Amino acid sequence: MIAGKKVLAIVPARGGSKGVPGKNILPVGGRPLIEWTVSEAKASRHIDRLVLSSDDDHIMAAALAAGCEVPFRRDAALATDASSTIDVVLDALERLPGFDLVMVLQPTSPLRTTADIDGALERLVASDAPACVSVSEAANHPYWTFRLGGDAQDTLEPFARPAGGLPLRRQDLPAAWCLNGAVYVAHADWFKVNRSFLSDRTLGHPMPVERSLDIDTPEDVERLKQILAPRQPPLPASAQATSTKAQS
């Protein structure tokens, strides 16, 4: 609870991923991917209830083992490629009434920390905003993003035209932020009416790029393994000898 408001956190994780099959329970760093999110959410000072929304038995088992509640099975109609996270959240709020704030923590953001989770909640309740979402600095600035024109020569047409002309040096660019998918939180009643976390009053909660990796492709998985490798304890000498013998 925070500022007298009850918080429901939802981990949405359907089966049937196409880009990375089985990604929600893919072993990374010695544990299923979903466990990285569950463990950080469980350490939150403010979350009153942490639940999984899934249609997949294996994901449910992994979430339960990590300490996440699985109070229901998601309907098949909400577990297709065309299903939206918005509908999944509305379904959970209908099944589990009585919460003031609703949060979404996608398991594909495994580097998000408890501080990121609680920070977004604290930022929201300290304001009069209806919602708050996590953001990180844009890798490609919108002022340097173009479409190819419809003429025969493919003339560049900018997506955004800054007042005063286009800066040619990166250090002259204003800060630009993009959604990183790690944390979404809103007042539950507002969310039910607006069916979105985004509005012209939604707050941004900045997160560093190094914690903003979103797992969507096999390349993302390899990047995550590279990031986590230095954190893993070294193998005991006996295990290293066994590993070396097996490779020879």
Protein backbone atom coordinates (compact mmCIF):
# COMPACT_ATOMS: atom_id res chain seq x y z
CA MET A 1 0.00 0.00 0.00
CA ILE A 2 1.12 3.54 -0.70
CA ALA A 3 -0.52 6.75 0.52
CA GLY A 4 -3.51 4.66 1.64
CA LYS A 5 -3.96 3.16 -1.84
CA LYS A 6 -3.95 -0.59 -2.52
CA VAL A 7 -1.70 -1.72 -5.37
CA LEU A 8 -2.33 -4.64 -7.72
CA ALA A 9 0.68 -5.66 -9.82
CA ILE A 10 0.06 -7.87 -12.85
CA VAL A 11 2.69 -9.92 -14.67
CA PRO A 12 1.25 -10.64 -18.15
CA ALA A 13 2.86 -13.71 -19.72
CA ARG A 14 1.06 -15.73 -22.35
CA GLY A 15 2.42 -18.84 -24.03
CA GLY A 16 3.14 -19.13 -27.74
CA SER A 17 5.83 -16.49 -28.25
CA LYS A 18 6.90 -16.43 -31.89
CA GLY A 19 10.08 -14.32 -31.78
CA VAL A 20 11.67 -16.28 -28.91
CA PRO A 21 9.76 -19.52 -28.29
CA GLY A 22 9.14 -20.08 -24.58
CA LYS A 23 10.86 -16.80 -23.72
CA ASN A 24 8.93 -16.15 -20.49
CA ILE A 25 10.48 -19.24 -18.88
CA LEU A 26 13.75 -19.26 -20.82
CA PRO A 27 16.62 -20.09 -18.43
CA VAL A 28 18.78 -16.99 -18.08
CA GLY A 29 21.36 -16.49 -15.36
CA GLY A 30 20.36 -19.74 -13.68
CA ARG A 31 16.62 -19.05 -13.42
CA PRO A 32 13.55 -18.63 -15.65
CA LEU A 33 13.20 -15.20 -17.24
CA ILE A 34 9.93 -14.52 -15.42
CA GLU A 35 11.58 -15.04 -12.04
CA TRP A 36 13.71 -11.91 -12.52
CA THR A 37 10.56 -9.80 -12.55
CA VAL A 38 8.76 -11.69 -9.77
CA SER A 39 11.68 -11.47 -7.35
CA GLU A 40 12.04 -7.69 -7.75
CA ALA A 41 8.28 -7.14 -7.46
CA LYS A 42 8.08 -9.25 -4.29
CA ALA A 43 10.65 -6.96 -2.68
CA SER A 44 8.49 -3.88 -3.31
CA ARG A 45 7.44 -1.88 -0.26
CA HIS A 46 4.15 -0.88 -1.87
CA ILE A 47 2.68 -3.78 -3.89
CA ASP A 48 -0.20 -5.42 -2.03
CA ARG A 49 -0.82 -8.28 -4.44
CA LEU A 50 1.35 -9.67 -7.23
CA VAL A 51 -0.46 -11.91 -9.73
CA LEU A 52 0.24 -13.66 -13.01
CA SER A 53 -2.08 -13.54 -16.01
CA SER A 54 -1.28 -16.47 -18.27
CA ASP A 55 -2.81 -19.26 -20.31
CA ASP A 56 0.27 -21.52 -20.15
CA ASP A 57 0.79 -24.30 -17.58
CA HIS A 58 4.60 -24.09 -17.71
CA ILE A 59 4.60 -20.33 -17.15
CA MET A 60 2.12 -20.72 -14.31
CA ALA A 61 4.33 -23.33 -12.64
CA ALA A 62 7.42 -21.15 -12.97
CA ALA A 63 5.60 -18.12 -11.54
CA LEU A 64 4.27 -20.12 -8.59
CA ALA A 65 7.73 -21.49 -7.89
CA ALA A 66 9.07 -17.92 -7.87
CA GLY A 67 6.44 -16.84 -5.36
CA CYS A 68 3.88 -15.13 -7.60
CA GLU A 69 0.15 -15.73 -7.16
CA VAL A 70 -1.73 -17.43 -10.01
CA PRO A 71 -5.37 -16.90 -9.02
CA PHE A 72 -6.85 -17.60 -12.44
CA ARG A 73 -6.10 -18.89 -15.95
CA ARG A 74 -6.33 -16.31 -18.70
CA ASP A 75 -9.06 -17.03 -21.24
CA ALA A 76 -7.87 -18.26 -24.64
CA ALA A 77 -9.50 -15.24 -26.31
CA LEU A 78 -7.03 -13.01 -24.42
CA ALA A 79 -3.98 -15.10 -25.32
CA THR A 80 -3.73 -14.65 -29.09
CA ASP A 81 -1.24 -12.63 -31.14
CA ALA A 82 -3.94 -9.99 -31.51
CA SER A 83 -4.74 -9.74 -27.79
CA SER A 84 -3.86 -6.42 -26.14
CA THR A 85 -2.26 -5.89 -22.76
CA ILE A 86 -5.01 -3.36 -22.06
CA ASP A 87 -7.69 -6.08 -22.28
CA VAL A 88 -5.56 -8.38 -20.11
CA VAL A 89 -5.34 -5.70 -17.40
CA LEU A 90 -9.07 -4.97 -17.56
CA ASP A 91 -9.75 -8.69 -17.21
CA ALA A 92 -7.55 -8.89 -14.10
CA LEU A 93 -9.20 -5.82 -12.54
CA GLU A 94 -12.62 -7.38 -13.10
CA ARG A 95 -11.54 -10.66 -11.52
CA LEU A 96 -9.72 -8.97 -8.64
CA PRO A 97 -11.66 -5.85 -7.59
CA GLY A 98 -10.89 -3.49 -4.74
CA PHE A 99 -7.54 -2.02 -5.82
CA ASP A 100 -6.79 1.68 -6.20
CA LEU A 101 -3.68 1.42 -8.38
CA VAL A 102 -2.89 -1.10 -11.10
CA MET A 103 0.62 -1.87 -12.31
CA VAL A 104 1.92 -3.94 -15.21
CA LEU A 105 5.35 -5.58 -14.98
CA GLN A 106 6.25 -7.38 -18.19
CA PRO A 107 8.62 -10.35 -17.71
CA THR A 108 10.51 -9.24 -20.82
CA SER A 109 12.15 -6.45 -18.76
CA PRO A 110 14.31 -8.59 -16.45
CA LEU A 111 16.81 -5.86 -15.48
CA ARG A 112 14.17 -3.60 -13.93
CA THR A 113 14.76 -3.28 -10.17
CA THR A 114 12.60 -2.90 -7.09
CA ALA A 115 13.76 0.73 -6.95
CA ASP A 116 12.36 1.28 -10.45
CA ILE A 117 9.03 -0.26 -9.42
CA ASP A 118 8.65 1.69 -6.19
CA GLY A 119 10.02 4.86 -7.76
CA ALA A 120 7.27 4.90 -10.40
CA LEU A 121 4.59 4.34 -7.75
CA GLU A 122 6.00 7.08 -5.52
CA ARG A 123 6.22 9.50 -8.44
CA LEU A 124 2.58 8.85 -9.33
CA VAL A 125 1.09 9.31 -5.85
CA ALA A 126 3.16 12.46 -5.27
CA SER A 127 1.39 14.06 -8.23
CA ASP A 128 -2.11 14.63 -9.53
CA ALA A 129 -1.36 12.62 -12.68
CA PRO A 130 -3.51 9.60 -13.61
CA ALA A 131 -0.63 7.35 -14.71
CA CYS A 132 3.13 6.90 -14.84
CA VAL A 133 5.26 4.83 -17.23
CA SER A 134 8.97 4.09 -17.32
CA VAL A 135 11.13 5.62 -20.03
CA SER A 136 14.76 5.61 -21.10
CA GLU A 137 16.78 7.90 -23.32
CA ALA A 138 16.03 7.35 -27.00
CA ALA A 139 18.79 5.52 -28.87
CA ASN A 140 17.87 7.36 -32.08
CA HIS A 141 16.79 10.96 -31.64
CA PRO A 142 13.52 11.84 -33.43
CA TYR A 143 15.16 14.93 -34.97
CA TRP A 144 17.51 12.57 -36.80
CA THR A 145 14.78 10.19 -37.97
CA PHE A 146 13.40 10.43 -41.48
CA ARG A 147 11.06 8.78 -43.94
CA LEU A 148 11.90 8.34 -47.59
CA GLY A 149 9.75 10.68 -49.66
CA GLY A 150 7.42 9.55 -52.37
CA ASP A 151 9.42 11.11 -55.18
CA ALA A 152 11.65 9.18 -57.57
CA GLN A 153 14.79 10.27 -55.72
CA ASP A 154 13.64 9.18 -52.23
CA THR A 155 14.11 12.60 -50.70
CA LEU A 156 14.44 12.57 -46.89
CA GLU A 157 11.45 13.90 -44.99
CA PRO A 158 11.94 14.44 -41.23
CA PHE A 159 9.41 13.06 -38.76
CA ALA A 160 9.98 16.10 -36.54
CA ARG A 161 11.07 19.61 -37.51
CA PRO A 162 12.72 21.51 -34.66
CA ALA A 163 12.23 25.23 -34.39
CA GLY A 164 15.38 27.02 -35.50
CA GLY A 165 16.66 24.26 -37.75
CA LEU A 166 18.14 20.81 -37.29
CA PRO A 167 21.05 20.51 -34.79
CA LEU A 168 24.02 18.78 -36.39
CA ARG A 169 25.81 17.89 -33.13
CA ARG A 170 24.43 15.32 -30.69
CA GLN A 171 25.30 17.54 -27.71
CA ASP A 172 22.97 20.21 -29.09
CA LEU A 173 19.94 17.92 -29.16
CA PRO A 174 17.25 18.25 -26.46
CA ALA A 175 16.71 15.13 -24.36
CA ALA A 176 14.38 12.59 -25.97
CA TRP A 177 12.77 9.67 -24.15
CA CYS A 178 11.00 6.51 -25.26
CA LEU A 179 8.86 3.91 -23.50
CA ASN A 180 11.03 1.02 -22.33
CA GLY A 181 8.19 -1.35 -21.36
CA ALA A 182 9.43 -1.98 -17.83
CA VAL A 183 6.83 -0.30 -15.59
CA TYR A 184 3.26 0.90 -16.19
CA VAL A 185 1.06 2.14 -13.34
CA ALA A 186 -2.24 4.02 -13.20
CA HIS A 187 -5.18 4.78 -10.98
CA ALA A 188 -7.45 1.78 -11.53
CA ASP A 189 -10.71 3.69 -11.99
CA TRP A 190 -9.09 6.07 -14.48
CA PHE A 191 -7.60 3.14 -16.38
CA LYS A 192 -10.96 1.40 -16.68
CA VAL A 193 -12.46 4.49 -18.33
CA ASN A 194 -9.51 5.50 -20.52
CA ARG A 195 -8.31 1.96 -21.36
CA SER A 196 -4.71 3.13 -21.57
CA PHE A 197 -1.70 4.10 -19.47
CA LEU A 198 -0.95 6.96 -21.85
CA SER A 199 -2.49 10.42 -21.98
CA ASP A 200 -1.28 13.99 -22.18
CA ARG A 201 -1.03 13.88 -18.37
CA THR A 202 0.92 10.64 -18.01
CA LEU A 203 4.22 11.01 -16.14
CA GLY A 204 7.52 9.58 -17.34
CA HIS A 205 9.71 7.73 -14.83
CA PRO A 206 13.31 7.77 -16.16
CA MET A 207 15.33 4.56 -16.05
CA PRO A 208 18.93 4.11 -17.18
CA VAL A 209 19.52 2.48 -20.54
CA GLU A 210 21.46 -0.36 -18.90
CA ARG A 211 18.30 -1.51 -17.07
CA SER A 212 15.94 -0.96 -19.99
CA LEU A 213 16.62 -4.06 -22.12
CA ASP A 214 13.35 -5.47 -23.53
CA ILE A 215 13.56 -9.13 -24.60
CA ASP A 216 11.93 -9.52 -28.00
CA THR A 217 14.46 -11.34 -30.23
CA PRO A 218 17.15 -14.04 -29.87
CA GLU A 219 19.71 -11.22 -30.10
CA ASP A 220 18.14 -9.60 -27.02
CA VAL A 221 18.52 -12.88 -25.13
CA GLU A 222 22.21 -13.06 -26.03
CA ARG A 223 22.68 -9.45 -24.94
CA LEU A 224 21.04 -10.25 -21.60
CA LYS A 225 23.34 -13.23 -21.09
CA GLN A 226 26.35 -11.00 -21.79
CA ILE A 227 25.14 -8.44 -19.25
CA LEU A 228 24.53 -11.08 -16.59
CA ALA A 229 27.73 -13.07 -17.16
CA PRO A 230 29.94 -10.93 -14.87
CA ARG A 231 27.37 -11.29 -12.08
CA GLN A 232 27.48 -15.09 -12.06
CA PRO A 233 29.69 -16.71 -9.39
CA PRO A 234 32.66 -18.69 -10.76
CA LEU A 235 32.36 -22.46 -10.93
CA PRO A 236 34.10 -24.44 -8.16
CA ALA A 237 37.44 -25.90 -9.19
CA SER A 238 35.98 -29.42 -9.32
CA ALA A 239 33.18 -28.29 -11.62
CA GLN A 240 35.64 -26.42 -13.87
CA ALA A 241 37.75 -29.58 -14.16
CA THR A 242 34.69 -31.62 -15.07
CA SER A 243 33.64 -29.03 -17.66
CA THR A 244 37.13 -28.94 -19.19
CA LYS A 245 37.27 -32.74 -19.35
CA ALA A 246 33.87 -32.90 -21.02
CA GLN A 247 34.98 -30.45 -23.71
CA SER A 248 38.27 -32.24 -24.48
